[in-house]
Amino acid sequence: MPFLTQTARMLPELDGPIAHRLAMNTVDLLATLLADEAYSRPVPDGTGNARMLRRIQLFIDGQLSNPDLSPGYVAAAHYISTRSLHKLFEDSGTTAAAWIRGRRLAGARRDLADPLLADVPIAAIGARWGLPDPAHFSRVFRAAHGCSPSAYRQRT
């Protein structure tokens, strides 16, 4: 807690890209701590499906930059069938492909809003998040956020 208290006190003195980056890193740190807390709790589901889904979601988060990441890739890495993977995600209300796409787009959106990355080409940001085809990245970003990556970057 002392870190958060001290960071909160420093923010008014900082401005520009450094303050933005510090705030975003603090939010990421809190999200990591909360995720660890949530994933370490016992799962009430007696079948272990919820635990397996959590493990798969963490695996996906670690592989987002891999352009080959797909439901088939994830299923093979966990020694389950693609059908079983789809069933795990179906029970959670989404699909494996939608989870991957959503996580990639969330990372790209954060990078596009980061003033310290303003000089990084949009195509490089897409590639960093496993979307190496600029046209495809632009299409899926627009579908998710209602504007192109360049328009989103200009608005933030």
Foldseek 3Di string as FASTA:
>chain_A
DVVVVVLVVCLVVDDDLVSVVSVVVVVVVVVVVVLVVVLPDDDPPPVCLVNVLSVLLVVLLVCQLALPDDLCVSCVVVVHHSVVQQVSVVVVPHGPRVSSLVSLLVQLLSLLQRPVNVVPDSLVSSNRRNRNPQVVQQVSNCVVPVHGSVVSSVVD
